[in-house]
């Protein structure tokens, strides 16, 4: 299965923030949307970073509570790994595991199509595994009837 299937199932809505917004605004955005990370966009399709709960924890540990007035760009992760809708679920799972990341923006021809999380990937793997199991059961049933 491919990333395109995940986007088709979950949709392509992306929660994002600008690099010049404050950490307080980012925290509110994450909290209100019940998410662990938001893409940082400096234009509609231009990902310049990702801001996550990890960044907040690092900022608090390093700078204390005064981080809330700082700009998102001071704490965001700039090394953003991207994927394509044509990438396999196994490939993106490998990237997420190897790089220890939980979110991947999906980009094709320079256009941001959505974002997938490790939860989305695991859910797709479960769906695929169920389908494989069902197919094997059907096959075994047909063979047993012959």
N, C-alpha and C. Protein backbone atom coordinates (compact mmCIF):
# COMPACT_ATOMS: atom_id res chain seq x y z
N UNK A 1 0.84 -1.18 0.00
CA UNK A 1 0.00 0.00 0.00
C UNK A 1 0.89 1.24 0.00
N UNK A 2 0.30 2.36 -0.42
CA UNK A 2 1.05 3.60 -0.57
C UNK A 2 0.48 4.72 0.30
N UNK A 3 1.28 5.76 0.45
CA UNK A 3 0.89 6.94 1.25
C UNK A 3 -0.40 7.55 0.71
N UNK A 4 -0.61 7.50 -0.59
CA UNK A 4 -1.83 8.06 -1.19
C UNK A 4 -3.08 7.45 -0.55
N UNK A 5 -3.04 6.17 -0.22
CA UNK A 5 -4.19 5.51 0.41
C UNK A 5 -4.46 6.09 1.80
N UNK A 6 -3.41 6.42 2.52
CA UNK A 6 -3.57 7.01 3.85
C UNK A 6 -4.23 8.38 3.72
N UNK A 7 -3.74 9.19 2.79
CA UNK A 7 -4.33 10.53 2.60
C UNK A 7 -5.79 10.44 2.15
N UNK A 8 -6.08 9.46 1.30
CA UNK A 8 -7.45 9.28 0.84
C UNK A 8 -8.38 8.97 2.01
N UNK A 9 -7.91 8.12 2.94
CA UNK A 9 -8.70 7.73 4.09
C UNK A 9 -8.84 8.87 5.11
N UNK A 10 -7.74 9.56 5.40
CA UNK A 10 -7.77 10.55 6.48
C UNK A 10 -8.04 11.97 6.02
N UNK A 11 -7.81 12.24 4.75
CA UNK A 11 -7.99 13.60 4.23
C UNK A 11 -6.67 14.34 4.15
N UNK A 12 -6.72 15.51 3.57
CA UNK A 12 -5.49 16.25 3.32
C UNK A 12 -5.38 17.56 4.11
N UNK A 13 -6.29 17.76 5.05
CA UNK A 13 -6.25 18.99 5.84
C UNK A 13 -4.95 19.06 6.66
N UNK A 14 -4.28 20.20 6.58
CA UNK A 14 -3.01 20.39 7.29
C UNK A 14 -3.15 21.53 8.29
N UNK A 15 -2.81 21.26 9.52
CA UNK A 15 -2.74 22.30 10.55
C UNK A 15 -1.34 22.89 10.48
N UNK A 16 -1.26 24.20 10.31
CA UNK A 16 0.06 24.82 10.17
C UNK A 16 0.13 26.12 10.96
N UNK A 17 1.35 26.58 11.08
CA UNK A 17 1.63 27.83 11.78
C UNK A 17 2.76 28.53 11.02
N UNK A 18 2.85 29.82 11.19
CA UNK A 18 3.93 30.59 10.54
C UNK A 18 5.14 30.67 11.47
N UNK A 19 6.33 30.80 10.91
CA UNK A 19 7.54 30.86 11.74
C UNK A 19 7.60 32.08 12.64
N UNK A 20 6.87 33.16 12.30
CA UNK A 20 6.93 34.39 13.10
C UNK A 20 5.89 34.42 14.23
N UNK A 21 5.06 33.38 14.32
CA UNK A 21 4.09 33.34 15.42
C UNK A 21 4.80 32.91 16.71
N UNK A 22 4.16 33.17 17.84
CA UNK A 22 4.80 32.87 19.12
C UNK A 22 4.60 31.40 19.51
N UNK A 23 5.44 30.97 20.41
CA UNK A 23 5.32 29.62 20.96
C UNK A 23 3.96 29.47 21.65
N UNK A 24 3.51 30.51 22.34
CA UNK A 24 2.20 30.47 23.00
C UNK A 24 1.10 30.21 21.98
N UNK A 25 1.16 30.86 20.83
CA UNK A 25 0.17 30.63 19.78
C UNK A 25 0.25 29.19 19.27
N UNK A 26 1.46 28.67 19.15
CA UNK A 26 1.66 27.29 18.68
C UNK A 26 1.09 26.30 19.69
N UNK A 27 1.35 26.54 20.97
CA UNK A 27 0.83 25.66 22.02
C UNK A 27 -0.70 25.64 21.98
N UNK A 28 -1.30 26.80 21.83
CA UNK A 28 -2.76 26.89 21.73
C UNK A 28 -3.26 26.13 20.50
N UNK A 29 -2.60 26.28 19.38
CA UNK A 29 -2.98 25.59 18.14
C UNK A 29 -2.93 24.07 18.32
N UNK A 30 -1.85 23.58 18.89
CA UNK A 30 -1.72 22.13 19.12
C UNK A 30 -2.81 21.64 20.07
N UNK A 31 -3.02 22.37 21.14
CA UNK A 31 -4.00 21.98 22.14
C UNK A 31 -5.42 21.98 21.58
N UNK A 32 -5.80 23.04 20.88
CA UNK A 32 -7.15 23.16 20.34
C UNK A 32 -7.45 22.08 19.30
N UNK A 33 -6.42 21.63 18.59
CA UNK A 33 -6.62 20.64 17.54
C UNK A 33 -6.31 19.21 17.99
N UNK A 34 -5.85 19.07 19.24
CA UNK A 34 -5.55 17.74 19.76
C UNK A 34 -4.47 17.02 18.96
N UNK A 35 -3.44 17.76 18.59
CA UNK A 35 -2.36 17.20 17.77
C UNK A 35 -1.01 17.39 18.45
N UNK A 36 -0.03 16.63 18.03
CA UNK A 36 1.30 16.69 18.63
C UNK A 36 2.30 17.51 17.86
N UNK A 37 1.93 17.93 16.64
CA UNK A 37 2.86 18.71 15.82
C UNK A 37 2.09 19.49 14.76
N UNK A 38 2.69 20.57 14.32
CA UNK A 38 2.12 21.37 13.23
C UNK A 38 3.24 21.72 12.27
N UNK A 39 2.91 21.72 11.00
CA UNK A 39 3.90 22.14 10.02
C UNK A 39 4.09 23.64 10.13
N UNK A 40 5.32 24.09 9.91
CA UNK A 40 5.63 25.51 9.88
C UNK A 40 5.78 25.87 8.41
N UNK A 41 4.89 26.75 7.94
CA UNK A 41 4.88 27.13 6.53
C UNK A 41 5.19 28.61 6.39
N UNK A 42 6.13 28.92 5.48
CA UNK A 42 6.39 30.33 5.21
C UNK A 42 5.64 30.82 3.98
N UNK A 43 4.97 29.90 3.27
CA UNK A 43 4.02 30.19 2.22
C UNK A 43 3.14 28.95 2.09
N UNK A 44 2.02 29.01 1.37
CA UNK A 44 1.07 27.90 1.38
C UNK A 44 1.65 26.50 1.13
N UNK A 45 2.62 26.36 0.26
CA UNK A 45 3.17 25.03 -0.03
C UNK A 45 4.63 24.89 0.38
N UNK A 46 5.15 25.85 1.12
CA UNK A 46 6.57 25.83 1.46
C UNK A 46 6.79 25.49 2.94
N UNK A 47 7.18 24.24 3.18
CA UNK A 47 7.44 23.76 4.54
C UNK A 47 8.85 24.19 4.94
N UNK A 48 8.94 25.02 5.98
CA UNK A 48 10.26 25.45 6.45
C UNK A 48 10.63 24.80 7.78
N UNK A 49 9.67 24.06 8.37
CA UNK A 49 9.95 23.39 9.62
C UNK A 49 8.74 22.64 10.12
N UNK A 50 8.93 22.02 11.26
CA UNK A 50 7.84 21.35 11.96
C UNK A 50 8.00 21.69 13.44
N UNK A 51 6.89 21.97 14.09
CA UNK A 51 6.92 22.34 15.49
C UNK A 51 6.13 21.30 16.27
N UNK A 52 6.79 20.68 17.25
CA UNK A 52 6.14 19.58 17.96
C UNK A 52 6.23 19.74 19.48
N UNK A 53 5.55 18.83 20.15
CA UNK A 53 5.60 18.79 21.61
C UNK A 53 7.04 18.64 22.10
N UNK A 54 7.84 17.89 21.37
CA UNK A 54 9.25 17.73 21.74
C UNK A 54 9.98 19.07 21.76
N UNK A 55 9.66 19.92 20.77
CA UNK A 55 10.30 21.23 20.72
C UNK A 55 9.92 22.07 21.94
N UNK A 56 8.69 21.96 22.37
CA UNK A 56 8.23 22.70 23.55
C UNK A 56 8.99 22.23 24.79
N UNK A 57 9.09 20.91 24.95
CA UNK A 57 9.78 20.34 26.11
C UNK A 57 11.25 20.77 26.11
N UNK A 58 11.89 20.67 24.94
CA UNK A 58 13.29 21.10 24.83
C UNK A 58 13.43 22.58 25.19
N UNK A 59 12.53 23.40 24.67
CA UNK A 59 12.57 24.84 24.95
C UNK A 59 12.39 25.15 26.43
N UNK A 60 11.45 24.46 27.06
CA UNK A 60 11.23 24.67 28.49
C UNK A 60 12.44 24.25 29.31
N UNK A 61 13.02 23.11 28.95
CA UNK A 61 14.19 22.61 29.69
C UNK A 61 15.40 23.51 29.50
N UNK A 62 15.53 24.09 28.33
CA UNK A 62 16.70 24.90 28.00
C UNK A 62 16.55 26.36 28.43
N UNK A 63 15.35 26.93 28.21
CA UNK A 63 15.16 28.37 28.41
C UNK A 63 14.15 28.75 29.48
N UNK A 64 13.41 27.77 29.97
CA UNK A 64 12.40 28.08 30.98
C UNK A 64 11.11 28.61 30.35
N UNK A 65 10.21 29.05 31.21
CA UNK A 65 8.87 29.46 30.78
C UNK A 65 8.84 30.68 29.87
N UNK A 66 9.93 31.43 29.81
CA UNK A 66 9.93 32.62 28.95
C UNK A 66 9.92 32.27 27.46
N UNK A 67 9.97 30.98 27.12
CA UNK A 67 9.91 30.61 25.71
C UNK A 67 8.58 30.97 25.08
N UNK A 68 7.54 31.11 25.89
CA UNK A 68 6.20 31.34 25.36
C UNK A 68 6.10 32.60 24.51
N UNK A 69 6.98 33.56 24.73
CA UNK A 69 6.93 34.80 23.94
C UNK A 69 7.89 34.76 22.73
N UNK A 70 8.68 33.71 22.65
CA UNK A 70 9.61 33.59 21.52
C UNK A 70 8.85 33.15 20.27
N UNK A 71 9.52 33.30 19.14
CA UNK A 71 8.91 32.92 17.86
C UNK A 71 9.11 31.43 17.60
N UNK A 72 8.17 30.85 16.90
CA UNK A 72 8.21 29.43 16.57
C UNK A 72 9.53 29.06 15.90
N UNK A 73 10.03 29.92 15.02
CA UNK A 73 11.26 29.62 14.28
C UNK A 73 12.47 29.41 15.19
N UNK A 74 12.40 29.89 16.44
CA UNK A 74 13.54 29.70 17.34
C UNK A 74 13.62 28.29 17.92
N UNK A 75 12.51 27.55 17.90
CA UNK A 75 12.50 26.20 18.47
C UNK A 75 12.14 25.10 17.47
N UNK A 76 11.58 25.47 16.33
CA UNK A 76 11.09 24.45 15.39
C UNK A 76 12.24 23.58 14.87
N UNK A 77 11.89 22.40 14.45
CA UNK A 77 12.85 21.51 13.80
C UNK A 77 12.91 21.90 12.32
N UNK A 78 14.09 22.19 11.85
CA UNK A 78 14.25 22.65 10.47
C UNK A 78 14.52 21.52 9.49
N UNK A 79 15.03 20.42 9.98
CA UNK A 79 15.35 19.28 9.13
C UNK A 79 14.10 18.42 8.98
N UNK A 80 13.27 18.79 8.02
CA UNK A 80 11.99 18.12 7.84
C UNK A 80 12.12 17.08 6.73
N UNK A 81 11.83 15.84 7.08
CA UNK A 81 11.81 14.76 6.09
C UNK A 81 10.46 14.79 5.40
N UNK A 82 10.47 14.60 4.09
CA UNK A 82 9.24 14.61 3.30
C UNK A 82 9.01 13.23 2.71
N UNK A 83 7.77 12.98 2.31
CA UNK A 83 7.48 11.76 1.57
C UNK A 83 6.58 12.11 0.40
N UNK A 84 6.39 11.14 -0.46
CA UNK A 84 5.57 11.29 -1.66
C UNK A 84 4.34 10.41 -1.52
N UNK A 85 3.25 10.74 -2.20
CA UNK A 85 2.08 9.86 -2.15
C UNK A 85 2.37 8.48 -2.76
N UNK A 86 3.43 8.39 -3.55
CA UNK A 86 3.80 7.12 -4.19
C UNK A 86 4.67 6.24 -3.30
N UNK A 87 5.16 6.79 -2.19
CA UNK A 87 5.99 6.00 -1.27
C UNK A 87 5.15 4.90 -0.62
N UNK A 88 5.78 3.77 -0.38
CA UNK A 88 5.07 2.68 0.28
C UNK A 88 4.98 2.94 1.78
N UNK A 89 4.00 2.30 2.39
CA UNK A 89 3.83 2.41 3.84
C UNK A 89 5.07 1.85 4.54
N UNK A 90 5.60 0.76 4.03
CA UNK A 90 6.80 0.16 4.62
C UNK A 90 7.97 1.13 4.57
N UNK A 91 8.12 1.84 3.46
CA UNK A 91 9.24 2.79 3.32
C UNK A 91 9.11 3.95 4.30
N UNK A 92 7.92 4.53 4.43
CA UNK A 92 7.77 5.66 5.35
C UNK A 92 7.87 5.21 6.80
N UNK A 93 7.41 3.98 7.07
CA UNK A 93 7.56 3.45 8.43
C UNK A 93 9.04 3.31 8.78
N UNK A 94 9.82 2.87 7.82
CA UNK A 94 11.26 2.74 8.02
C UNK A 94 11.90 4.11 8.28
N UNK A 95 11.53 5.11 7.50
CA UNK A 95 12.07 6.47 7.69
C UNK A 95 11.71 6.98 9.08
N UNK A 96 10.45 6.82 9.46
CA UNK A 96 10.00 7.31 10.76
C UNK A 96 10.75 6.61 11.90
N UNK A 97 10.97 5.33 11.76
CA UNK A 97 11.68 4.57 12.79
C UNK A 97 13.15 4.96 12.85
N UNK A 98 13.80 4.99 11.70
CA UNK A 98 15.23 5.30 11.64
C UNK A 98 15.53 6.73 12.09
N UNK A 99 14.69 7.67 11.69
CA UNK A 99 14.92 9.09 12.00
C UNK A 99 14.29 9.52 13.32
N UNK A 100 13.53 8.62 13.94
CA UNK A 100 12.83 8.91 15.20
C UNK A 100 11.92 10.12 15.07
N UNK A 101 11.09 10.08 14.03
CA UNK A 101 10.13 11.16 13.79
C UNK A 101 8.73 10.58 13.73
N UNK A 102 7.75 11.42 14.03
CA UNK A 102 6.37 10.94 14.09
C UNK A 102 5.47 11.54 13.03
N UNK A 103 5.98 12.49 12.24
CA UNK A 103 5.16 13.15 11.23
C UNK A 103 5.96 13.36 9.95
N UNK A 104 5.30 13.15 8.81
CA UNK A 104 5.94 13.38 7.51
C UNK A 104 4.99 14.17 6.62
N UNK A 105 5.41 15.34 6.16
CA UNK A 105 4.62 16.05 5.15
C UNK A 105 4.65 15.25 3.85
N UNK A 106 3.52 15.23 3.16
CA UNK A 106 3.42 14.55 1.87
C UNK A 106 3.45 15.62 0.79
N UNK A 107 4.45 15.53 -0.09
CA UNK A 107 4.67 16.56 -1.11
C UNK A 107 4.83 15.88 -2.47
N UNK A 108 4.21 16.48 -3.47
CA UNK A 108 4.38 16.00 -4.84
C UNK A 108 4.48 17.20 -5.77
N UNK A 109 5.53 17.20 -6.59
CA UNK A 109 5.79 18.30 -7.52
C UNK A 109 5.78 19.66 -6.82
N UNK A 110 6.35 19.71 -5.63
CA UNK A 110 6.45 20.96 -4.88
C UNK A 110 5.16 21.39 -4.20
N UNK A 111 4.10 20.59 -4.30
CA UNK A 111 2.81 20.95 -3.69
C UNK A 111 2.58 20.10 -2.44
N UNK A 112 2.25 20.77 -1.35
CA UNK A 112 1.94 20.09 -0.09
C UNK A 112 0.56 19.46 -0.19
N UNK A 113 0.50 18.13 -0.05
CA UNK A 113 -0.76 17.39 -0.17
C UNK A 113 -1.38 17.02 1.16
N UNK A 114 -0.57 16.99 2.21
CA UNK A 114 -1.07 16.59 3.52
C UNK A 114 0.09 16.23 4.42
N UNK A 115 -0.24 15.63 5.54
CA UNK A 115 0.78 15.17 6.48
C UNK A 115 0.29 13.85 7.06
N UNK A 116 1.22 12.90 7.24
CA UNK A 116 0.86 11.63 7.85
C UNK A 116 1.65 11.47 9.15
N UNK A 117 1.03 10.78 10.09
CA UNK A 117 1.66 10.54 11.38
C UNK A 117 1.98 9.06 11.52
N UNK A 118 2.76 8.72 12.51
CA UNK A 118 3.07 7.32 12.77
C UNK A 118 1.79 6.56 13.08
N UNK A 119 0.83 7.20 13.72
CA UNK A 119 -0.46 6.57 13.99
C UNK A 119 -1.20 6.23 12.70
N UNK A 120 -1.16 7.12 11.73
CA UNK A 120 -1.78 6.86 10.42
C UNK A 120 -1.13 5.67 9.74
N UNK A 121 0.19 5.60 9.83
CA UNK A 121 0.95 4.52 9.20
C UNK A 121 0.63 3.18 9.86
N UNK A 122 0.60 3.15 11.18
CA UNK A 122 0.28 1.92 11.90
C UNK A 122 -1.15 1.48 11.57
N UNK A 123 -2.07 2.41 11.53
CA UNK A 123 -3.46 2.08 11.20
C UNK A 123 -3.55 1.48 9.80
N UNK A 124 -2.83 2.05 8.84
CA UNK A 124 -2.83 1.52 7.47
C UNK A 124 -2.24 0.11 7.43
N UNK A 125 -1.17 -0.10 8.19
CA UNK A 125 -0.57 -1.44 8.24
C UNK A 125 -1.57 -2.46 8.81
N UNK A 126 -2.33 -2.07 9.82
CA UNK A 126 -3.35 -2.96 10.38
C UNK A 126 -4.44 -3.27 9.35
N UNK A 127 -4.87 -2.26 8.62
CA UNK A 127 -5.88 -2.44 7.56
C UNK A 127 -5.34 -3.41 6.50
N UNK A 128 -4.10 -3.19 6.08
CA UNK A 128 -3.48 -4.05 5.07
C UNK A 128 -3.35 -5.49 5.57
N UNK A 129 -2.95 -5.66 6.82
CA UNK A 129 -2.79 -6.98 7.40
C UNK A 129 -4.13 -7.71 7.48
N UNK A 130 -5.19 -6.99 7.87
CA UNK A 130 -6.53 -7.57 7.92
C UNK A 130 -6.97 -8.02 6.53
N UNK A 131 -6.71 -7.20 5.53
CA UNK A 131 -7.06 -7.54 4.15
C UNK A 131 -6.31 -8.79 3.69
N UNK A 132 -5.02 -8.85 4.00
CA UNK A 132 -4.23 -10.03 3.64
C UNK A 132 -4.78 -11.28 4.32
N UNK A 133 -5.12 -11.16 5.59
CA UNK A 133 -5.65 -12.29 6.35
C UNK A 133 -6.98 -12.76 5.76
N UNK A 134 -7.84 -11.82 5.44
CA UNK A 134 -9.13 -12.14 4.84
C UNK A 134 -8.95 -12.85 3.50
N UNK A 135 -8.02 -12.38 2.70
CA UNK A 135 -7.74 -13.00 1.40
C UNK A 135 -7.25 -14.43 1.58
N UNK A 136 -6.35 -14.63 2.53
CA UNK A 136 -5.85 -15.98 2.81
C UNK A 136 -6.96 -16.90 3.30
N UNK A 137 -7.83 -16.40 4.15
CA UNK A 137 -8.96 -17.21 4.64
C UNK A 137 -9.88 -17.61 3.49
N UNK A 138 -10.17 -16.64 2.61
CA UNK A 138 -11.01 -16.94 1.45
C UNK A 138 -10.36 -17.98 0.56
N UNK A 139 -9.08 -17.84 0.34
CA UNK A 139 -8.34 -18.78 -0.50
C UNK A 139 -8.36 -20.18 0.14
N UNK A 140 -8.10 -20.24 1.43
CA UNK A 140 -8.10 -21.53 2.14
C UNK A 140 -9.47 -22.16 2.11
N UNK A 141 -10.52 -21.37 2.22
CA UNK A 141 -11.89 -21.86 2.19
C UNK A 141 -12.22 -22.44 0.83
N UNK A 142 -11.81 -21.76 -0.23
CA UNK A 142 -12.05 -22.24 -1.59
C UNK A 142 -11.31 -23.55 -1.83
N UNK A 143 -10.06 -23.61 -1.39
CA UNK A 143 -9.25 -24.84 -1.55
C UNK A 143 -9.85 -26.01 -0.77
N UNK A 144 -10.40 -25.73 0.40
CA UNK A 144 -10.97 -26.79 1.23
C UNK A 144 -12.26 -27.33 0.60
N UNK A 145 -12.98 -26.49 -0.11
CA UNK A 145 -14.24 -26.89 -0.75
C UNK A 145 -14.01 -27.71 -2.01
N UNK A 146 -12.82 -27.71 -2.53
CA UNK A 146 -12.55 -28.42 -3.80
C UNK A 146 -12.27 -29.86 -3.61
